[in-house]
Amino acid sequence: MAHNGLWKALTENSAQTSEQADDLQLRGRTYLVPFATVWDEIIQMIQARARWKLVRADEGTGLIRAEATTPVFRLVDDVRFKLKLDRNALTRVDMWSASRAGKGDLGKNRRRIARFYRELDRRLGVDR
């Protein structure tokens, strides 16, 4: 099992959430919070990050695109969010993060997603 994790870290350079993800940190989030509130919080979080840049936000389609620059080598990574209302009218947020360079990210994109969700949960007052 440890070899599988090492192999992934050396060969995968992206991570994304889904409702069926084996990794609980990559399951995305569903909030009992209005869509507009979650949307605004995500936009504010992106704009508050020193090495992040908001590229595009289209509330009509629920898509947000951003770029995150790594601190050491100044490599640019792509980050995307998809927000929508699920069948119960709850706000669903999925996230994708990918490195533009290299074949393996050493788990950086997965950690970026986990950190972002932890902060979003905290800002929305959600306990997990």
C-alpha atoms as a PDB file:
ATOM      1  CA  MET A   1       0.000   0.000   0.000  1.00  0.00           C
ATOM      2  CA  ALA A   2       2.831   2.419   0.793  1.00  0.00           C
ATOM      3  CA  HIS A   3       4.315   1.734  -2.628  1.00  0.00           C
ATOM      4  CA  ASN A   4       1.005   2.638  -4.256  1.00  0.00           C
ATOM      5  CA  GLY A   5       0.998   6.044  -2.508  1.00  0.00           C
ATOM      6  CA  LEU A   6       4.605   6.706  -3.506  1.00  0.00           C
ATOM      7  CA  TRP A   7       3.881   5.703  -7.100  1.00  0.00           C
ATOM      8  CA  LYS A   8       0.927   8.103  -7.227  1.00  0.00           C
ATOM      9  CA  ALA A   9       3.029  10.936  -5.782  1.00  0.00           C
ATOM     10  CA  LEU A  10       5.679  10.397  -8.455  1.00  0.00           C
ATOM     11  CA  THR A  11       3.376   9.889 -11.434  1.00  0.00           C
ATOM     12  CA  GLU A  12       0.226  11.977 -10.875  1.00  0.00           C
ATOM     13  CA  ASN A  13       0.247  15.739 -11.185  1.00  0.00           C
ATOM     14  CA  SER A  14      -3.414  16.525 -10.532  1.00  0.00           C
ATOM     15  CA  ALA A  15      -6.197  15.841  -8.069  1.00  0.00           C
ATOM     16  CA  GLN A  16      -9.927  16.340  -8.221  1.00  0.00           C
ATOM     17  CA  THR A  17     -12.942  15.764  -6.087  1.00  0.00           C
ATOM     18  CA  SER A  18     -15.891  13.521  -6.786  1.00  0.00           C
ATOM     19  CA  GLU A  19     -18.786  12.123  -4.815  1.00  0.00           C
ATOM     20  CA  GLN A  20     -17.348   8.589  -5.076  1.00  0.00           C
ATOM     21  CA  ALA A  21     -13.687   9.322  -4.243  1.00  0.00           C
ATOM     22  CA  ASP A  22     -12.011   6.691  -2.041  1.00  0.00           C
ATOM     23  CA  ASP A  23     -10.034   9.447  -0.322  1.00  0.00           C
ATOM     24  CA  LEU A  24     -12.456  11.270   1.991  1.00  0.00           C
ATOM     25  CA  GLN A  25     -10.576  14.538   1.472  1.00  0.00           C
ATOM     26  CA  LEU A  26     -11.346  14.313  -2.245  1.00  0.00           C
ATOM     27  CA  ARG A  27     -15.110  13.858  -1.934  1.00  0.00           C
ATOM     28  CA  GLY A  28     -15.938  17.523  -2.521  1.00  0.00           C
ATOM     29  CA  ARG A  29     -18.439  19.313  -0.350  1.00  0.00           C
ATOM     30  CA  THR A  30     -22.182  19.829  -0.123  1.00  0.00           C
ATOM     31  CA  TYR A  31     -23.294  22.797   1.961  1.00  0.00           C
ATOM     32  CA  LEU A  32     -26.601  23.799   3.483  1.00  0.00           C
ATOM     33  CA  VAL A  33     -25.562  27.360   2.649  1.00  0.00           C
ATOM     34  CA  PRO A  34     -26.949  29.490  -0.208  1.00  0.00           C
ATOM     35  CA  PHE A  35     -25.110  29.192  -3.521  1.00  0.00           C
ATOM     36  CA  ALA A  36     -24.331  32.940  -3.617  1.00  0.00           C
ATOM     37  CA  THR A  37     -22.755  32.844  -0.148  1.00  0.00           C
ATOM     38  CA  VAL A  38     -20.487  29.909  -1.024  1.00  0.00           C
ATOM     39  CA  TRP A  39     -19.609  31.516  -4.382  1.00  0.00           C
ATOM     40  CA  ASP A  40     -18.647  34.819  -2.745  1.00  0.00           C
ATOM     41  CA  GLU A  41     -16.584  33.060  -0.070  1.00  0.00           C
ATOM     42  CA  ILE A  42     -14.578  31.114  -2.674  1.00  0.00           C
ATOM     43  CA  ILE A  43     -13.932  34.271  -4.722  1.00  0.00           C
ATOM     44  CA  GLN A  44     -12.777  36.119  -1.584  1.00  0.00           C
ATOM     45  CA  MET A  45     -10.505  33.233  -0.579  1.00  0.00           C
ATOM     46  CA  ILE A  46      -8.858  33.195  -4.009  1.00  0.00           C
ATOM     47  CA  GLN A  47      -8.345  36.955  -4.017  1.00  0.00           C
ATOM     48  CA  ALA A  48      -6.904  36.893  -0.480  1.00  0.00           C
ATOM     49  CA  ARG A  49      -4.175  34.388  -1.350  1.00  0.00           C
ATOM     50  CA  ALA A  50      -0.879  36.071  -2.194  1.00  0.00           C
ATOM     51  CA  ARG A  51       0.164  33.558  -4.854  1.00  0.00           C
ATOM     52  CA  TRP A  52      -3.265  32.958  -6.376  1.00  0.00           C
ATOM     53  CA  LYS A  53      -4.870  34.801  -9.280  1.00  0.00           C
ATOM     54  CA  LEU A  54      -8.530  34.709 -10.250  1.00  0.00           C
ATOM     55  CA  VAL A  55      -8.634  33.971 -13.988  1.00  0.00           C
ATOM     56  CA  ARG A  56     -12.362  33.692 -14.648  1.00  0.00           C
ATOM     57  CA  ALA A  57     -15.580  33.426 -12.679  1.00  0.00           C
ATOM     58  CA  ASP A  58     -18.901  32.699 -14.390  1.00  0.00           C
ATOM     59  CA  GLU A  59     -21.679  32.484 -11.840  1.00  0.00           C
ATOM     60  CA  GLY A  60     -24.164  31.442 -14.524  1.00  0.00           C
ATOM     61  CA  THR A  61     -22.281  28.205 -15.228  1.00  0.00           C
ATOM     62  CA  GLY A  62     -20.883  27.871 -11.697  1.00  0.00           C
ATOM     63  CA  LEU A  63     -17.287  27.736 -12.945  1.00  0.00           C
ATOM     64  CA  ILE A  64     -14.313  29.463 -11.335  1.00  0.00           C
ATOM     65  CA  ARG A  65     -10.791  29.281 -12.749  1.00  0.00           C
ATOM     66  CA  ALA A  66      -7.692  30.366 -10.864  1.00  0.00           C
ATOM     67  CA  GLU A  67      -3.925  30.023 -11.004  1.00  0.00           C
ATOM     68  CA  ALA A  68      -1.755  29.189  -8.008  1.00  0.00           C
ATOM     69  CA  THR A  69       1.979  29.904  -8.121  1.00  0.00           C
ATOM     70  CA  THR A  70       4.278  27.640  -6.105  1.00  0.00           C
ATOM     71  CA  PRO A  71       6.497  29.445  -3.599  1.00  0.00           C
ATOM     72  CA  VAL A  72       9.917  27.993  -4.434  1.00  0.00           C
ATOM     73  CA  PHE A  73      10.146  27.524  -8.195  1.00  0.00           C
ATOM     74  CA  ARG A  74       7.280  29.896  -9.098  1.00  0.00           C
ATOM     75  CA  LEU A  75       5.535  27.231 -11.170  1.00  0.00           C
ATOM     76  CA  VAL A  76       1.951  27.995 -12.122  1.00  0.00           C
ATOM     77  CA  ASP A  77      -0.738  25.431 -11.339  1.00  0.00           C
ATOM     78  CA  ASP A  78      -4.334  25.469 -12.541  1.00  0.00           C
ATOM     79  CA  VAL A  79      -7.227  25.349 -10.076  1.00  0.00           C
ATOM     80  CA  ARG A  80     -10.896  25.028 -11.005  1.00  0.00           C
ATOM     81  CA  PHE A  81     -14.118  24.978  -9.055  1.00  0.00           C
ATOM     82  CA  LYS A  82     -17.570  23.808 -10.114  1.00  0.00           C
ATOM     83  CA  LEU A  83     -20.507  24.945  -7.996  1.00  0.00           C
ATOM     84  CA  LYS A  84     -24.053  23.756  -8.538  1.00  0.00           C
ATOM     85  CA  LEU A  85     -27.247  23.005  -6.691  1.00  0.00           C
ATOM     86  CA  ASP A  86     -27.731  19.282  -6.136  1.00  0.00           C
ATOM     87  CA  ARG A  87     -31.050  17.438  -6.346  1.00  0.00           C
ATOM     88  CA  ASN A  88     -31.878  18.579  -2.785  1.00  0.00           C
ATOM     89  CA  ALA A  89     -31.102  22.249  -3.607  1.00  0.00           C
ATOM     90  CA  LEU A  90     -27.903  22.133  -1.520  1.00  0.00           C
ATOM     91  CA  THR A  91     -24.761  23.847  -2.801  1.00  0.00           C
ATOM     92  CA  ARG A  92     -22.284  21.331  -4.196  1.00  0.00           C
ATOM     93  CA  VAL A  93     -18.629  22.351  -4.640  1.00  0.00           C
ATOM     94  CA  ASP A  94     -16.103  20.274  -6.556  1.00  0.00           C
ATOM     95  CA  MET A  95     -12.495  21.255  -7.106  1.00  0.00           C
ATOM     96  CA  TRP A  96      -9.683  20.292  -9.468  1.00  0.00           C
ATOM     97  CA  SER A  97      -6.014  21.224  -9.100  1.00  0.00           C
ATOM     98  CA  ALA A  98      -3.275  20.368 -11.586  1.00  0.00           C
ATOM     99  CA  SER A  99       0.398  21.129 -12.029  1.00  0.00           C
ATOM    100  CA  ARG A 100       1.366  22.421 -15.453  1.00  0.00           C
ATOM    101  CA  ALA A 101       4.917  21.127 -15.170  1.00  0.00           C
ATOM    102  CA  GLY A 102       6.281  17.747 -14.153  1.00  0.00           C
ATOM    103  CA  LYS A 103       4.909  14.229 -14.033  1.00  0.00           C
ATOM    104  CA  GLY A 104       4.411  13.981 -10.297  1.00  0.00           C
ATOM    105  CA  ASP A 105       3.326  16.571  -7.747  1.00  0.00           C
ATOM    106  CA  LEU A 106       4.304  14.664  -4.571  1.00  0.00           C
ATOM    107  CA  GLY A 107       0.710  15.052  -3.384  1.00  0.00           C
ATOM    108  CA  LYS A 108       0.729  18.865  -3.563  1.00  0.00           C
ATOM    109  CA  ASN A 109      -2.554  19.169  -5.486  1.00  0.00           C
ATOM    110  CA  ARG A 110      -4.382  16.837  -3.094  1.00  0.00           C
ATOM    111  CA  ARG A 111      -3.085  18.844  -0.136  1.00  0.00           C
ATOM    112  CA  ARG A 112      -4.104  22.122  -1.817  1.00  0.00           C
ATOM    113  CA  ILE A 113      -7.659  20.825  -2.181  1.00  0.00           C
ATOM    114  CA  ALA A 114      -7.801  19.553   1.415  1.00  0.00           C
ATOM    115  CA  ARG A 115      -6.494  22.878   2.790  1.00  0.00           C
ATOM    116  CA  PHE A 116      -8.892  24.924   0.694  1.00  0.00           C
ATOM    117  CA  TYR A 117     -11.898  22.897   1.856  1.00  0.00           C
ATOM    118  CA  ARG A 118     -10.818  23.086   5.497  1.00  0.00           C
ATOM    119  CA  GLU A 119     -10.677  26.877   5.273  1.00  0.00           C
ATOM    120  CA  LEU A 120     -13.946  27.088   3.328  1.00  0.00           C
ATOM    121  CA  ASP A 121     -15.653  24.905   5.950  1.00  0.00           C
ATOM    122  CA  ARG A 122     -14.310  27.158   8.702  1.00  0.00           C
ATOM    123  CA  ARG A 123     -15.391  30.350   6.943  1.00  0.00           C
ATOM    124  CA  LEU A 124     -18.875  28.973   6.345  1.00  0.00           C
ATOM    125  CA  GLY A 125     -19.134  27.750   9.952  1.00  0.00           C
ATOM    126  CA  VAL A 126     -19.406  24.088   8.986  1.00  0.00           C
ATOM    127  CA  ASP A 127     -18.065  21.351  11.274  1.00  0.00           C
ATOM    128  CA  ARG A 128     -16.812  18.182   9.602  1.00  0.00           C
END
